[in-house]
Amino acid sequence: MLVPRQAAPELVVETLDHGRFDLAAEKPARMALVCFYRGLHCPICTSYLKELERQTPAFADRGVTTIAISSDGETRARQMAEKIGAANLRIGYGLALNEARKWGLYISTSRGKTSIGIEEPSLFSEPGLFLVRPDQSIYYLSVQSMPFVRPNFAEMVQALDFIIKNDYPARGEYTGAL
């Protein structure tokens, strides 16, 4: 189980237009926002990533870099980037499912074509959202077993203002006896 204030797993993926993303080499002023999404087949992901694209400049203003990653290959990742009009948001692709599992992501099996007529991959990861500090420690995490009801990016931007102003620590870090 991943725990805030502990080290994030390794994360290295190719991106569409920004070369290789290596979380260990990422040096944001405050944090890196890593958004794992299901893939091109997911209409909810499309809406969600459009909002992340829209909010990426606000995150950047607060010293937070952003990337959206799926296990889709390059072709499907490029189709998603086009669907969401990605201009600011980096799009990573080819996440190995064994790596997804290290991040605590749930893995689902295909149910065929989705409501938008796109075939699901035979296996793919469900959503996860992470804020990772420059020292590679996890600040925030949300992992889901379903595509629905995801963290709100506008609220997260507002929360970052509070976090920055108050030097608010990562919570959920206690792993001792109960």
N, C-alpha and C. Protein backbone atom coordinates (compact mmCIF):
# COMPACT_ATOMS: atom_id res chain seq x y z
N MET A 1 0.84 -1.18 0.00
CA MET A 1 0.00 0.00 0.00
C MET A 1 0.88 1.25 0.00
N LEU A 2 0.58 2.18 -0.88
CA LEU A 2 1.32 3.44 -0.91
C LEU A 2 0.82 4.34 0.22
N VAL A 3 1.76 5.07 0.81
CA VAL A 3 1.45 5.90 1.97
C VAL A 3 2.05 7.29 1.76
N PRO A 4 1.28 8.35 2.09
CA PRO A 4 1.84 9.70 2.03
C PRO A 4 3.12 9.82 2.87
N ARG A 5 4.01 10.66 2.41
CA ARG A 5 5.32 10.94 3.00
C ARG A 5 6.33 9.84 2.75
N GLN A 6 5.92 8.76 2.08
CA GLN A 6 6.86 7.72 1.69
C GLN A 6 7.17 7.84 0.20
N ALA A 7 8.21 7.18 -0.24
CA ALA A 7 8.67 7.30 -1.63
C ALA A 7 7.65 6.74 -2.62
N ALA A 8 7.47 7.48 -3.68
CA ALA A 8 6.64 7.02 -4.79
C ALA A 8 7.40 5.95 -5.57
N PRO A 9 6.68 5.03 -6.20
CA PRO A 9 7.36 4.05 -7.05
C PRO A 9 8.04 4.74 -8.24
N GLU A 10 8.95 4.03 -8.86
CA GLU A 10 9.56 4.52 -10.09
C GLU A 10 8.48 4.74 -11.13
N LEU A 11 8.67 5.71 -11.99
CA LEU A 11 7.72 5.94 -13.07
C LEU A 11 8.47 6.53 -14.25
N VAL A 12 8.57 5.75 -15.31
CA VAL A 12 9.22 6.18 -16.55
C VAL A 12 8.31 5.76 -17.70
N VAL A 13 7.86 6.74 -18.49
CA VAL A 13 7.04 6.47 -19.67
C VAL A 13 7.42 7.43 -20.78
N GLU A 14 7.11 7.02 -21.99
CA GLU A 14 7.27 7.92 -23.13
C GLU A 14 6.08 8.89 -23.14
N THR A 15 6.31 10.08 -23.68
CA THR A 15 5.23 11.05 -23.87
C THR A 15 5.10 11.35 -25.35
N LEU A 16 3.98 11.95 -25.71
CA LEU A 16 3.74 12.23 -27.12
C LEU A 16 4.70 13.25 -27.69
N ASP A 17 4.91 14.34 -26.99
CA ASP A 17 5.68 15.44 -27.58
C ASP A 17 6.76 16.01 -26.66
N HIS A 18 7.03 15.33 -25.55
CA HIS A 18 7.97 15.87 -24.58
C HIS A 18 9.05 14.87 -24.19
N GLY A 19 9.31 13.90 -25.03
CA GLY A 19 10.35 12.92 -24.73
C GLY A 19 9.94 11.99 -23.61
N ARG A 20 10.90 11.40 -23.00
CA ARG A 20 10.65 10.45 -21.92
C ARG A 20 10.37 11.20 -20.62
N PHE A 21 9.32 10.77 -19.92
CA PHE A 21 9.01 11.30 -18.59
C PHE A 21 9.59 10.34 -17.57
N ASP A 22 10.42 10.87 -16.68
CA ASP A 22 10.99 10.10 -15.59
C ASP A 22 10.70 10.87 -14.31
N LEU A 23 9.83 10.33 -13.48
CA LEU A 23 9.44 11.03 -12.26
C LEU A 23 10.65 11.39 -11.41
N ALA A 24 11.66 10.53 -11.36
CA ALA A 24 12.85 10.81 -10.56
C ALA A 24 13.61 12.02 -11.07
N ALA A 25 13.49 12.32 -12.36
CA ALA A 25 14.18 13.47 -12.94
C ALA A 25 13.30 14.72 -12.96
N GLU A 26 12.04 14.55 -12.67
CA GLU A 26 11.09 15.68 -12.66
C GLU A 26 11.44 16.59 -11.48
N LYS A 27 11.59 17.86 -11.74
CA LYS A 27 11.97 18.80 -10.68
C LYS A 27 10.98 19.97 -10.62
N PRO A 28 9.75 19.69 -10.21
CA PRO A 28 8.78 20.78 -10.09
C PRO A 28 9.15 21.69 -8.92
N ALA A 29 8.69 22.92 -8.96
CA ALA A 29 8.93 23.84 -7.85
C ALA A 29 8.29 23.30 -6.57
N ARG A 30 7.07 22.75 -6.71
CA ARG A 30 6.37 22.22 -5.53
C ARG A 30 6.02 20.74 -5.64
N MET A 31 5.34 20.36 -6.71
CA MET A 31 4.90 18.98 -6.84
C MET A 31 4.68 18.63 -8.30
N ALA A 32 4.60 17.33 -8.55
CA ALA A 32 4.18 16.81 -9.85
C ALA A 32 2.81 16.17 -9.65
N LEU A 33 1.87 16.51 -10.51
CA LEU A 33 0.56 15.88 -10.51
C LEU A 33 0.59 14.79 -11.58
N VAL A 34 0.39 13.56 -11.14
CA VAL A 34 0.39 12.40 -12.04
C VAL A 34 -1.03 11.86 -12.07
N CYS A 35 -1.65 11.94 -13.23
CA CYS A 35 -3.02 11.48 -13.42
C CYS A 35 -2.99 10.23 -14.29
N PHE A 36 -3.32 9.10 -13.70
CA PHE A 36 -3.44 7.86 -14.46
C PHE A 36 -4.88 7.76 -14.95
N TYR A 37 -5.05 7.57 -16.25
CA TYR A 37 -6.40 7.44 -16.80
C TYR A 37 -6.56 6.11 -17.50
N ARG A 38 -7.81 5.72 -17.74
CA ARG A 38 -8.14 4.38 -18.25
C ARG A 38 -7.71 4.19 -19.70
N GLY A 39 -7.90 5.19 -20.54
CA GLY A 39 -7.52 5.09 -21.94
C GLY A 39 -8.54 5.74 -22.86
N LEU A 40 -8.25 5.69 -24.14
CA LEU A 40 -9.08 6.31 -25.18
C LEU A 40 -10.52 5.82 -25.13
N HIS A 41 -10.73 4.60 -24.73
CA HIS A 41 -12.06 4.00 -24.73
C HIS A 41 -13.01 4.63 -23.71
N CYS A 42 -12.50 5.41 -22.77
CA CYS A 42 -13.29 5.90 -21.64
C CYS A 42 -13.80 7.33 -21.87
N PRO A 43 -15.11 7.51 -22.06
CA PRO A 43 -15.63 8.86 -22.27
C PRO A 43 -15.50 9.75 -21.03
N ILE A 44 -15.50 9.15 -19.85
CA ILE A 44 -15.32 9.95 -18.63
C ILE A 44 -13.90 10.48 -18.57
N CYS A 45 -12.93 9.68 -19.01
CA CYS A 45 -11.54 10.14 -19.06
C CYS A 45 -11.40 11.35 -19.98
N THR A 46 -12.11 11.32 -21.09
CA THR A 46 -12.04 12.44 -22.03
C THR A 46 -12.46 13.73 -21.35
N SER A 47 -13.60 13.72 -20.68
CA SER A 47 -14.08 14.91 -19.97
C SER A 47 -13.11 15.31 -18.87
N TYR A 48 -12.62 14.33 -18.13
CA TYR A 48 -11.72 14.59 -17.01
C TYR A 48 -10.41 15.21 -17.49
N LEU A 49 -9.86 14.66 -18.56
CA LEU A 49 -8.60 15.20 -19.07
C LEU A 49 -8.77 16.57 -19.72
N LYS A 50 -9.94 16.83 -20.30
CA LYS A 50 -10.21 18.19 -20.81
C LYS A 50 -10.12 19.20 -19.67
N GLU A 51 -10.66 18.83 -18.51
CA GLU A 51 -10.60 19.72 -17.35
C GLU A 51 -9.17 19.85 -16.84
N LEU A 52 -8.41 18.77 -16.83
CA LEU A 52 -7.01 18.87 -16.41
C LEU A 52 -6.23 19.74 -17.38
N GLU A 53 -6.47 19.59 -18.67
CA GLU A 53 -5.84 20.47 -19.66
C GLU A 53 -6.16 21.92 -19.35
N ARG A 54 -7.42 22.21 -19.07
CA ARG A 54 -7.85 23.58 -18.77
C ARG A 54 -7.19 24.11 -17.49
N GLN A 55 -7.00 23.25 -16.51
CA GLN A 55 -6.44 23.67 -15.21
C GLN A 55 -4.91 23.62 -15.17
N THR A 56 -4.28 23.02 -16.17
CA THR A 56 -2.82 22.88 -16.13
C THR A 56 -2.09 24.22 -15.94
N PRO A 57 -2.48 25.32 -16.61
CA PRO A 57 -1.81 26.59 -16.32
C PRO A 57 -1.95 27.05 -14.86
N ALA A 58 -3.10 26.81 -14.25
CA ALA A 58 -3.30 27.17 -12.84
C ALA A 58 -2.38 26.33 -11.95
N PHE A 59 -2.23 25.05 -12.27
CA PHE A 59 -1.29 24.21 -11.52
C PHE A 59 0.13 24.74 -11.71
N ALA A 60 0.49 25.07 -12.94
CA ALA A 60 1.84 25.58 -13.21
C ALA A 60 2.11 26.86 -12.42
N ASP A 61 1.11 27.73 -12.31
CA ASP A 61 1.26 28.96 -11.52
C ASP A 61 1.58 28.66 -10.06
N ARG A 62 1.24 27.49 -9.60
CA ARG A 62 1.47 27.09 -8.21
C ARG A 62 2.67 26.14 -8.07
N GLY A 63 3.45 26.02 -9.14
CA GLY A 63 4.65 25.19 -9.09
C GLY A 63 4.40 23.71 -9.21
N VAL A 64 3.28 23.35 -9.85
CA VAL A 64 2.91 21.94 -10.00
C VAL A 64 2.92 21.58 -11.49
N THR A 65 3.72 20.59 -11.85
CA THR A 65 3.74 20.08 -13.22
C THR A 65 2.65 19.02 -13.36
N THR A 66 2.20 18.78 -14.58
CA THR A 66 1.12 17.82 -14.81
C THR A 66 1.47 16.84 -15.92
N ILE A 67 0.96 15.62 -15.75
CA ILE A 67 1.06 14.61 -16.80
C ILE A 67 -0.12 13.65 -16.64
N ALA A 68 -0.68 13.21 -17.76
CA ALA A 68 -1.72 12.18 -17.79
C ALA A 68 -1.14 10.96 -18.48
N ILE A 69 -1.33 9.79 -17.87
CA ILE A 69 -0.67 8.56 -18.34
C ILE A 69 -1.68 7.43 -18.41
N SER A 70 -1.58 6.63 -19.48
CA SER A 70 -2.38 5.41 -19.58
C SER A 70 -1.52 4.28 -20.13
N SER A 71 -2.11 3.10 -20.17
CA SER A 71 -1.41 1.96 -20.76
C SER A 71 -1.64 1.88 -22.26
N ASP A 72 -2.44 2.80 -22.80
CA ASP A 72 -2.63 2.85 -24.25
C ASP A 72 -1.29 3.00 -24.97
N GLY A 73 -1.24 2.53 -26.20
CA GLY A 73 -0.08 2.76 -27.05
C GLY A 73 -0.08 4.18 -27.58
N GLU A 74 0.95 4.50 -28.36
CA GLU A 74 1.13 5.86 -28.86
C GLU A 74 -0.04 6.32 -29.73
N THR A 75 -0.55 5.47 -30.59
CA THR A 75 -1.64 5.87 -31.50
C THR A 75 -2.88 6.27 -30.73
N ARG A 76 -3.29 5.44 -29.79
CA ARG A 76 -4.49 5.77 -29.00
C ARG A 76 -4.24 6.98 -28.10
N ALA A 77 -3.05 7.11 -27.56
CA ALA A 77 -2.72 8.28 -26.74
C ALA A 77 -2.81 9.56 -27.57
N ARG A 78 -2.33 9.50 -28.81
CA ARG A 78 -2.41 10.68 -29.68
C ARG A 78 -3.86 11.01 -30.00
N GLN A 79 -4.69 10.00 -30.20
CA GLN A 79 -6.11 10.26 -30.45
C GLN A 79 -6.75 10.94 -29.24
N MET A 80 -6.37 10.51 -28.04
CA MET A 80 -6.91 11.15 -26.83
C MET A 80 -6.42 12.59 -26.73
N ALA A 81 -5.15 12.82 -27.01
CA ALA A 81 -4.61 14.18 -26.96
C ALA A 81 -5.36 15.10 -27.92
N GLU A 82 -5.69 14.58 -29.09
CA GLU A 82 -6.45 15.37 -30.06
C GLU A 82 -7.87 15.63 -29.56
N LYS A 83 -8.50 14.62 -28.96
CA LYS A 83 -9.87 14.77 -28.45
C LYS A 83 -9.96 15.84 -27.37
N ILE A 84 -8.93 15.92 -26.52
CA ILE A 84 -8.98 16.88 -25.41
C ILE A 84 -8.31 18.20 -25.75
N GLY A 85 -7.73 18.31 -26.94
CA GLY A 85 -7.05 19.55 -27.32
C GLY A 85 -5.83 19.82 -26.46
N ALA A 86 -5.05 18.77 -26.19
CA ALA A 86 -3.88 18.90 -25.31
C ALA A 86 -2.87 19.88 -25.89
N ALA A 87 -2.70 20.99 -25.21
CA ALA A 87 -1.68 21.98 -25.58
C ALA A 87 -0.70 22.18 -24.43
N ASN A 88 -1.19 22.04 -23.19
CA ASN A 88 -0.38 22.26 -22.00
C ASN A 88 -0.06 20.97 -21.26
N LEU A 89 -0.99 20.04 -21.29
CA LEU A 89 -0.89 18.79 -20.54
C LEU A 89 -0.03 17.79 -21.29
N ARG A 90 0.98 17.25 -20.59
CA ARG A 90 1.78 16.18 -21.18
C ARG A 90 0.97 14.89 -21.15
N ILE A 91 1.08 14.11 -22.22
CA ILE A 91 0.39 12.84 -22.33
C ILE A 91 1.43 11.72 -22.41
N GLY A 92 1.41 10.85 -21.41
CA GLY A 92 2.30 9.70 -21.39
C GLY A 92 1.55 8.46 -21.82
N TYR A 93 2.26 7.51 -22.37
CA TYR A 93 1.61 6.30 -22.87
C TYR A 93 2.49 5.08 -22.61
N GLY A 94 1.86 3.91 -22.77
CA GLY A 94 2.60 2.65 -22.66
C GLY A 94 2.91 2.23 -21.23
N LEU A 95 2.11 2.69 -20.28
CA LEU A 95 2.33 2.27 -18.89
C LEU A 95 2.15 0.76 -18.78
N ALA A 96 3.18 0.07 -18.34
CA ALA A 96 3.09 -1.38 -18.14
C ALA A 96 2.17 -1.65 -16.96
N LEU A 97 1.30 -2.64 -17.10
CA LEU A 97 0.33 -2.91 -16.05
C LEU A 97 0.98 -3.38 -14.75
N ASN A 98 2.13 -4.04 -14.83
CA ASN A 98 2.82 -4.39 -13.59
C ASN A 98 3.32 -3.13 -12.87
N GLU A 99 3.65 -2.09 -13.64
CA GLU A 99 4.03 -0.80 -13.04
C GLU A 99 2.80 -0.10 -12.46
N ALA A 100 1.68 -0.19 -13.17
CA ALA A 100 0.43 0.39 -12.67
C ALA A 100 0.08 -0.21 -11.31
N ARG A 101 0.26 -1.50 -11.19
CA ARG A 101 -0.05 -2.18 -9.93
C ARG A 101 0.85 -1.69 -8.81
N LYS A 102 2.12 -1.36 -9.10
CA LYS A 102 3.02 -0.81 -8.07
C LYS A 102 2.50 0.52 -7.53
N TRP A 103 1.74 1.24 -8.35
CA TRP A 103 1.13 2.50 -7.93
C TRP A 103 -0.22 2.27 -7.23
N GLY A 104 -0.59 1.01 -7.06
CA GLY A 104 -1.83 0.70 -6.38
C GLY A 104 -3.06 0.79 -7.27
N LEU A 105 -2.85 0.90 -8.58
CA LEU A 105 -3.98 1.04 -9.49
C LEU A 105 -4.67 -0.30 -9.68
N TYR A 106 -5.98 -0.25 -9.75
CA TYR A 106 -6.76 -1.44 -10.02
C TYR A 106 -6.68 -1.77 -11.51
N ILE A 107 -6.74 -3.05 -11.83
CA ILE A 107 -6.69 -3.50 -13.22
C ILE A 107 -8.04 -4.13 -13.57
N SER A 108 -8.57 -3.76 -14.73
CA SER A 108 -9.85 -4.29 -15.20
C SER A 108 -9.66 -5.06 -16.49
N THR A 109 -10.64 -5.94 -16.76
CA THR A 109 -10.66 -6.70 -18.00
C THR A 109 -11.66 -6.07 -18.97
N SER A 110 -11.46 -6.32 -20.23
CA SER A 110 -12.31 -5.74 -21.28
C SER A 110 -13.75 -6.23 -21.19
N ARG A 111 -14.64 -5.33 -21.50
CA ARG A 111 -16.06 -5.67 -21.65
C ARG A 111 -16.49 -5.44 -23.10
N GLY A 112 -15.51 -5.32 -24.00
CA GLY A 112 -15.81 -5.07 -25.41
C GLY A 112 -15.82 -3.59 -25.72
N LYS A 113 -16.76 -3.19 -26.57
CA LYS A 113 -16.86 -1.78 -26.96
C LYS A 113 -17.58 -0.98 -25.88
N THR A 114 -17.12 0.25 -25.70
CA THR A 114 -17.73 1.15 -24.71
C THR A 114 -18.92 1.88 -25.34
N SER A 115 -19.53 2.74 -24.56
CA SER A 115 -20.69 3.50 -25.03
C SER A 115 -20.36 4.42 -26.20
N ILE A 116 -19.07 4.71 -26.39
CA ILE A 116 -18.67 5.56 -27.53
C ILE A 116 -18.13 4.71 -28.68
N GLY A 117 -18.29 3.40 -28.59
CA GLY A 117 -17.94 2.52 -29.71
C GLY A 117 -16.47 2.22 -29.86
N ILE A 118 -15.69 2.41 -28.81
CA ILE A 118 -14.25 2.12 -28.87
C ILE A 118 -13.98 0.88 -28.03
N GLU A 119 -13.24 -0.04 -28.61
CA GLU A 119 -12.90 -1.31 -27.95
C GLU A 119 -11.98 -1.05 -26.75
N GLU A 120 -12.34 -1.65 -25.62
CA GLU A 120 -11.45 -1.61 -24.47
C GLU A 120 -10.28 -2.55 -24.70
N PRO A 121 -9.09 -2.19 -24.20
CA PRO A 121 -7.98 -3.16 -24.25
C PRO A 121 -8.35 -4.39 -23.42
N SER A 122 -7.68 -5.51 -23.64
CA SER A 122 -7.99 -6.72 -22.88
C SER A 122 -7.79 -6.50 -21.38
N LEU A 123 -6.77 -5.75 -21.01
CA LEU A 123 -6.53 -5.34 -19.63
C LEU A 123 -6.13 -3.87 -19.63
N PHE A 124 -6.55 -3.13 -18.62
CA PHE A 124 -6.18 -1.71 -18.50
C PHE A 124 -6.31 -1.30 -17.04
N SER A 125 -5.66 -0.21 -16.67
CA SER A 125 -5.72 0.26 -15.28
C SER A 125 -6.86 1.25 -15.11
N GLU A 126 -7.38 1.26 -13.90
CA GLU A 126 -8.40 2.22 -13.50
C GLU A 126 -7.71 3.51 -13.04
N PRO A 127 -8.48 4.58 -12.81
CA PRO A 127 -7.87 5.89 -12.52
C PRO A 127 -7.13 5.98 -11.19
N GLY A 128 -6.17 6.86 -11.18
CA GLY A 128 -5.45 7.23 -9.96
C GLY A 128 -4.90 8.63 -10.13
N LEU A 129 -4.83 9.36 -9.04
CA LEU A 129 -4.32 10.73 -9.07
C LEU A 129 -3.35 10.90 -7.91
N PHE A 130 -2.17 11.44 -8.20
CA PHE A 130 -1.12 11.58 -7.21
C PHE A 130 -0.48 12.95 -7.29
N LEU A 131 -0.14 13.51 -6.14
CA LEU A 131 0.76 14.66 -6.06
C LEU A 131 2.03 14.15 -5.42
N VAL A 132 3.16 14.38 -6.10
CA VAL A 132 4.45 13.88 -5.65
C VAL A 132 5.40 15.07 -5.49
N ARG A 133 6.01 15.15 -4.33
CA ARG A 133 6.96 16.24 -4.04
C ARG A 133 8.27 16.02 -4.81
N PRO A 134 9.07 17.09 -4.94
CA PRO A 134 10.36 16.95 -5.65
C PRO A 134 11.29 15.90 -5.05
N ASP A 135 11.14 15.61 -3.74
CA ASP A 135 11.98 14.57 -3.12
C ASP A 135 11.44 13.17 -3.38
N GLN A 136 10.43 13.06 -4.26
CA GLN A 136 9.81 11.79 -4.66
C GLN A 136 8.86 11.21 -3.61
N SER A 137 8.54 11.97 -2.56
CA SER A 137 7.59 11.47 -1.58
C SER A 137 6.17 11.79 -2.03
N ILE A 138 5.26 10.90 -1.71
CA ILE A 138 3.86 11.09 -2.05
C ILE A 138 3.25 12.11 -1.10
N TYR A 139 2.59 13.11 -1.65
CA TYR A 139 1.89 14.09 -0.84
C TYR A 139 0.40 13.74 -0.76
N TYR A 140 -0.18 13.37 -1.89
CA TYR A 140 -1.61 13.10 -1.98
C TYR A 140 -1.81 11.92 -2.93
N LEU A 141 -2.81 11.09 -2.64
CA LEU A 141 -3.15 10.03 -3.58
C LEU A 141 -4.63 9.70 -3.50
N SER A 142 -5.16 9.36 -4.66
CA SER A 142 -6.54 8.90 -4.78
C SER A 142 -6.54 7.82 -5.85
N VAL A 143 -6.94 6.62 -5.47
CA VAL A 143 -6.98 5.49 -6.39
C VAL A 143 -8.42 4.99 -6.44
N GLN A 144 -8.90 4.69 -7.64
CA GLN A 144 -10.29 4.30 -7.80
C GLN A 144 -10.42 2.95 -8.49
N SER A 145 -11.47 2.23 -8.14
CA SER A 145 -11.76 0.96 -8.79
C SER A 145 -12.80 1.13 -9.90
N MET A 146 -13.31 2.32 -10.06
CA MET A 146 -14.35 2.63 -11.05
C MET A 146 -13.98 3.93 -11.77
N PRO A 147 -14.55 4.17 -12.94
CA PRO A 147 -14.24 5.41 -13.66
C PRO A 147 -14.98 6.63 -13.13
N PHE A 148 -15.93 6.44 -12.23
CA PHE A 148 -16.82 7.52 -11.79
C PHE A 148 -16.29 8.28 -10.58
N VAL A 149 -16.79 9.50 -10.39
CA VAL A 149 -16.60 10.34 -9.20
C VAL A 149 -15.11 10.52 -8.87
N ARG A 150 -14.45 11.29 -9.69
CA ARG A 150 -13.02 11.52 -9.53
C ARG A 150 -12.74 12.84 -8.81
N PRO A 151 -11.54 13.00 -8.26
CA PRO A 151 -11.19 14.27 -7.61
C PRO A 151 -11.34 15.44 -8.58
N ASN A 152 -11.79 16.57 -8.05
CA ASN A 152 -12.07 17.76 -8.85
C ASN A 152 -10.82 18.63 -8.95
N PHE A 153 -10.41 18.94 -10.18
CA PHE A 153 -9.17 19.70 -10.38
C PHE A 153 -9.29 21.16 -9.91
N ALA A 154 -10.42 21.79 -10.11
CA ALA A 154 -10.59 23.18 -9.64
C ALA A 154 -10.48 23.23 -8.12
N GLU A 155 -11.09 22.27 -7.44
CA GLU A 155 -10.97 22.21 -5.98
C GLU A 155 -9.54 21.94 -5.56
N MET A 156 -8.83 21.13 -6.34
CA MET A 156 -7.44 20.83 -6.01
C MET A 156 -6.57 22.08 -6.14
N VAL A 157 -6.84 22.91 -7.14
CA VAL A 157 -6.10 24.17 -7.28
C VAL A 157 -6.34 25.04 -6.05
N GLN A 158 -7.59 25.14 -5.61
CA GLN A 158 -7.91 25.92 -4.40
C GLN A 158 -7.22 25.32 -3.18
N ALA A 159 -7.22 24.01 -3.08
CA ALA A 159 -6.56 23.35 -1.95
C ALA A 159 -5.07 23.65 -1.96
N LEU A 160 -4.46 23.70 -3.13
CA LEU A 160 -3.03 24.02 -3.21
C LEU A 160 -2.73 25.40 -2.65
N ASP A 161 -3.63 26.35 -2.88
CA ASP A 161 -3.43 27.69 -2.30
C ASP A 161 -3.36 27.60 -0.78
N PHE A 162 -4.25 26.82 -0.18
CA PHE A 162 -4.24 26.62 1.28
C PHE A 162 -2.98 25.88 1.72
N ILE A 163 -2.63 24.83 1.00
CA ILE A 163 -1.45 24.03 1.32
C ILE A 163 -0.19 24.89 1.30
N ILE A 164 -0.06 25.71 0.27
CA ILE A 164 1.12 26.56 0.12
C ILE A 164 1.15 27.62 1.22
N LYS A 165 0.03 28.29 1.43
CA LYS A 165 -0.05 29.37 2.43
C LYS A 165 0.27 28.86 3.83
N ASN A 166 -0.20 27.66 4.17
CA ASN A 166 -0.08 27.13 5.52
C ASN A 166 0.98 26.06 5.69
N ASP A 167 1.76 25.80 4.64
CA ASP A 167 2.76 24.74 4.68
C ASP A 167 2.15 23.46 5.25
N TYR A 168 0.99 23.12 4.72
CA TYR A 168 0.20 22.00 5.23
C TYR A 168 0.88 20.68 4.88
N PRO A 169 1.07 19.81 5.86
CA PRO A 169 1.79 18.55 5.60
C PRO A 169 0.89 17.49 4.94
N ALA A 170 1.52 16.51 4.34
CA ALA A 170 0.79 15.35 3.81
C ALA A 170 0.14 14.64 4.99
N ARG A 171 -1.06 14.16 4.78
CA ARG A 171 -1.79 13.47 5.85
C ARG A 171 -1.99 12.01 5.46
N GLY A 172 -2.34 11.17 6.42
CA GLY A 172 -2.53 9.75 6.17
C GLY A 172 -1.25 8.96 6.25
N GLU A 173 -0.24 9.52 6.90
CA GLU A 173 1.10 8.95 6.93
C GLU A 173 1.32 7.92 8.02
N TYR A 174 0.43 7.83 8.99
CA TYR A 174 0.65 6.96 10.15
C TYR A 174 0.48 5.50 9.76
N THR A 175 1.50 4.70 10.07
CA THR A 175 1.46 3.27 9.75
C THR A 175 1.72 2.40 10.98
N GLY A 176 1.72 3.00 12.15
CA GLY A 176 2.01 2.26 13.38
C GLY A 176 0.84 1.44 13.89
N ALA A 177 1.01 0.89 15.05
CA ALA A 177 -0.01 0.06 15.68
C ALA A 177 -1.25 0.88 16.00
N LEU A 178 -2.39 0.21 15.97
CA LEU A 178 -3.66 0.85 16.29
C LEU A 178 -4.29 0.23 17.53
